[in-house]
Structures are given as C-alpha cells and as structure tokens.
Amino acid sequence: MSSLDYEVISALYEAVSESGQLDKVAKRIEAWLNAMSTSELSASDEQDYLENVRSAITVNVTGDLHEN
C-alpha cells in the first residue's frame, strides 16, 4: 500500500505512460517516493533507487524526435 496521495500516484503513472515508458518505471519511482516519505534514506539508498529507476527506462536511440 502506498503512503502517497492517490492524485500523486495517478499523475505519476500518467506522466510515465505519456513518456512511452513501461509501468515498471512508475512502480519503481513510486517505491522510491514511498521510501523517501517514510524514512531518511542514505546517499547509498538514494543511489540504489536512482539506479533501479534508470535501469527500467527505455531510451529512443534512433535519434528521432518523435516516434511514429
């Protein structure tokens, strides 16, 4: 269960979807935000969450500004 407001979670998933990313990106960001809101994360913890999110993001490597 998330400690974040429903509207925040909804906006997060919408933004991730509009960016063409998979739901796992939103889930990982949500987990990171939840962790930050419920505890004091160390720099190492922050780095771990950041790497976890980064590894889920897909990047358009074709150089096109817009996908068709």
C-alpha atoms as a PDB file:
ATOM      1  CA  MET A   1       0.000   0.000   0.000  1.00  0.00           C
ATOM      2  CA  SER A   2       1.284   3.407  -0.903  1.00  0.00           C
ATOM      3  CA  SER A   3       1.729   6.224   1.572  1.00  0.00           C
ATOM      4  CA  LEU A   4       1.371   8.743  -1.265  1.00  0.00           C
ATOM      5  CA  ASP A   5      -1.761  10.638  -2.185  1.00  0.00           C
ATOM      6  CA  TYR A   6      -3.860   8.976  -4.892  1.00  0.00           C
ATOM      7  CA  GLU A   7      -3.600  12.059  -7.133  1.00  0.00           C
ATOM      8  CA  VAL A   8       0.205  11.964  -6.947  1.00  0.00           C
ATOM      9  CA  ILE A   9       0.286   8.298  -7.906  1.00  0.00           C
ATOM     10  CA  SER A  10      -2.217   8.850 -10.701  1.00  0.00           C
ATOM     11  CA  ALA A  11      -0.208  11.767 -12.115  1.00  0.00           C
ATOM     12  CA  LEU A  12       2.995   9.733 -11.877  1.00  0.00           C
ATOM     13  CA  TYR A  13       1.569   6.814 -13.858  1.00  0.00           C
ATOM     14  CA  GLU A  14       0.031   9.177 -16.410  1.00  0.00           C
ATOM     15  CA  ALA A  15       3.318  11.027 -16.954  1.00  0.00           C
ATOM     16  CA  VAL A  16       5.263   7.790 -17.300  1.00  0.00           C
ATOM     17  CA  SER A  17       2.718   6.427 -19.779  1.00  0.00           C
ATOM     18  CA  GLU A  18       2.713   9.650 -21.819  1.00  0.00           C
ATOM     19  CA  SER A  19       6.510   9.385 -21.971  1.00  0.00           C
ATOM     20  CA  GLY A  20       6.189   5.989 -23.625  1.00  0.00           C
ATOM     21  CA  GLN A  21       7.695   4.155 -20.659  1.00  0.00           C
ATOM     22  CA  LEU A  22       6.523   0.881 -19.147  1.00  0.00           C
ATOM     23  CA  ASP A  23       4.529   0.696 -15.898  1.00  0.00           C
ATOM     24  CA  LYS A  24       7.595  -0.722 -14.146  1.00  0.00           C
ATOM     25  CA  VAL A  25       9.180   2.747 -14.370  1.00  0.00           C
ATOM     26  CA  ALA A  26       6.228   4.268 -12.499  1.00  0.00           C
ATOM     27  CA  LYS A  27       6.253   1.436  -9.963  1.00  0.00           C
ATOM     28  CA  ARG A  28       9.941   1.988  -9.244  1.00  0.00           C
ATOM     29  CA  ILE A  29       9.501   5.756  -8.910  1.00  0.00           C
ATOM     30  CA  GLU A  30       6.504   5.183  -6.638  1.00  0.00           C
ATOM     31  CA  ALA A  31       8.597   2.849  -4.451  1.00  0.00           C
ATOM     32  CA  TRP A  32      11.351   5.477  -4.276  1.00  0.00           C
ATOM     33  CA  LEU A  33       8.919   8.245  -3.338  1.00  0.00           C
ATOM     34  CA  ASN A  34       7.321   5.996  -0.704  1.00  0.00           C
ATOM     35  CA  ALA A  35      10.713   5.216   0.779  1.00  0.00           C
ATOM     36  CA  MET A  36      11.609   8.904   0.915  1.00  0.00           C
ATOM     37  CA  SER A  37       8.298   9.786   2.556  1.00  0.00           C
ATOM     38  CA  THR A  38       8.555   7.148   5.272  1.00  0.00           C
ATOM     39  CA  SER A  39      12.252   7.140   6.163  1.00  0.00           C
ATOM     40  CA  GLU A  40      15.518   9.018   5.968  1.00  0.00           C
ATOM     41  CA  LEU A  41      17.404   7.477   3.033  1.00  0.00           C
ATOM     42  CA  SER A  42      21.166   7.405   2.977  1.00  0.00           C
ATOM     43  CA  ALA A  43      23.067   8.583  -0.081  1.00  0.00           C
ATOM     44  CA  SER A  44      23.705   4.935  -0.926  1.00  0.00           C
ATOM     45  CA  ASP A  45      19.983   4.135  -0.672  1.00  0.00           C
ATOM     46  CA  GLU A  46      19.160   7.109  -2.908  1.00  0.00           C
ATOM     47  CA  GLN A  47      21.737   5.896  -5.447  1.00  0.00           C
ATOM     48  CA  ASP A  48      20.239   2.396  -5.384  1.00  0.00           C
ATOM     49  CA  TYR A  49      16.730   3.722  -6.042  1.00  0.00           C
ATOM     50  CA  LEU A  50      18.001   6.006  -8.798  1.00  0.00           C
ATOM     51  CA  GLU A  51      19.843   3.149 -10.500  1.00  0.00           C
ATOM     52  CA  ASN A  52      16.759   0.948 -10.177  1.00  0.00           C
ATOM     53  CA  VAL A  53      14.608   3.566 -11.921  1.00  0.00           C
ATOM     54  CA  ARG A  54      17.263   4.297 -14.538  1.00  0.00           C
ATOM     55  CA  SER A  55      17.585   0.626 -15.451  1.00  0.00           C
ATOM     56  CA  ALA A  56      13.838   0.442 -16.198  1.00  0.00           C
ATOM     57  CA  ILE A  57      13.785   3.434 -18.550  1.00  0.00           C
ATOM     58  CA  THR A  58      13.876   2.762 -22.276  1.00  0.00           C
ATOM     59  CA  VAL A  59      15.615   5.294 -24.486  1.00  0.00           C
ATOM     60  CA  ASN A  60      14.913   6.008 -28.151  1.00  0.00           C
ATOM     61  CA  VAL A  61      18.354   5.545 -29.669  1.00  0.00           C
ATOM     62  CA  THR A  62      17.371   6.272 -33.289  1.00  0.00           C
ATOM     63  CA  GLY A  63      17.805   9.995 -32.832  1.00  0.00           C
ATOM     64  CA  ASP A  64      14.235  10.735 -33.977  1.00  0.00           C
ATOM     65  CA  LEU A  65      12.472  13.474 -32.065  1.00  0.00           C
ATOM     66  CA  HIS A  66       9.114  11.772 -32.490  1.00  0.00           C
ATOM     67  CA  GLU A  67       8.312   8.118 -32.820  1.00  0.00           C
ATOM     68  CA  ASN A  68       5.750   7.127 -35.438  1.00  0.00           C
END
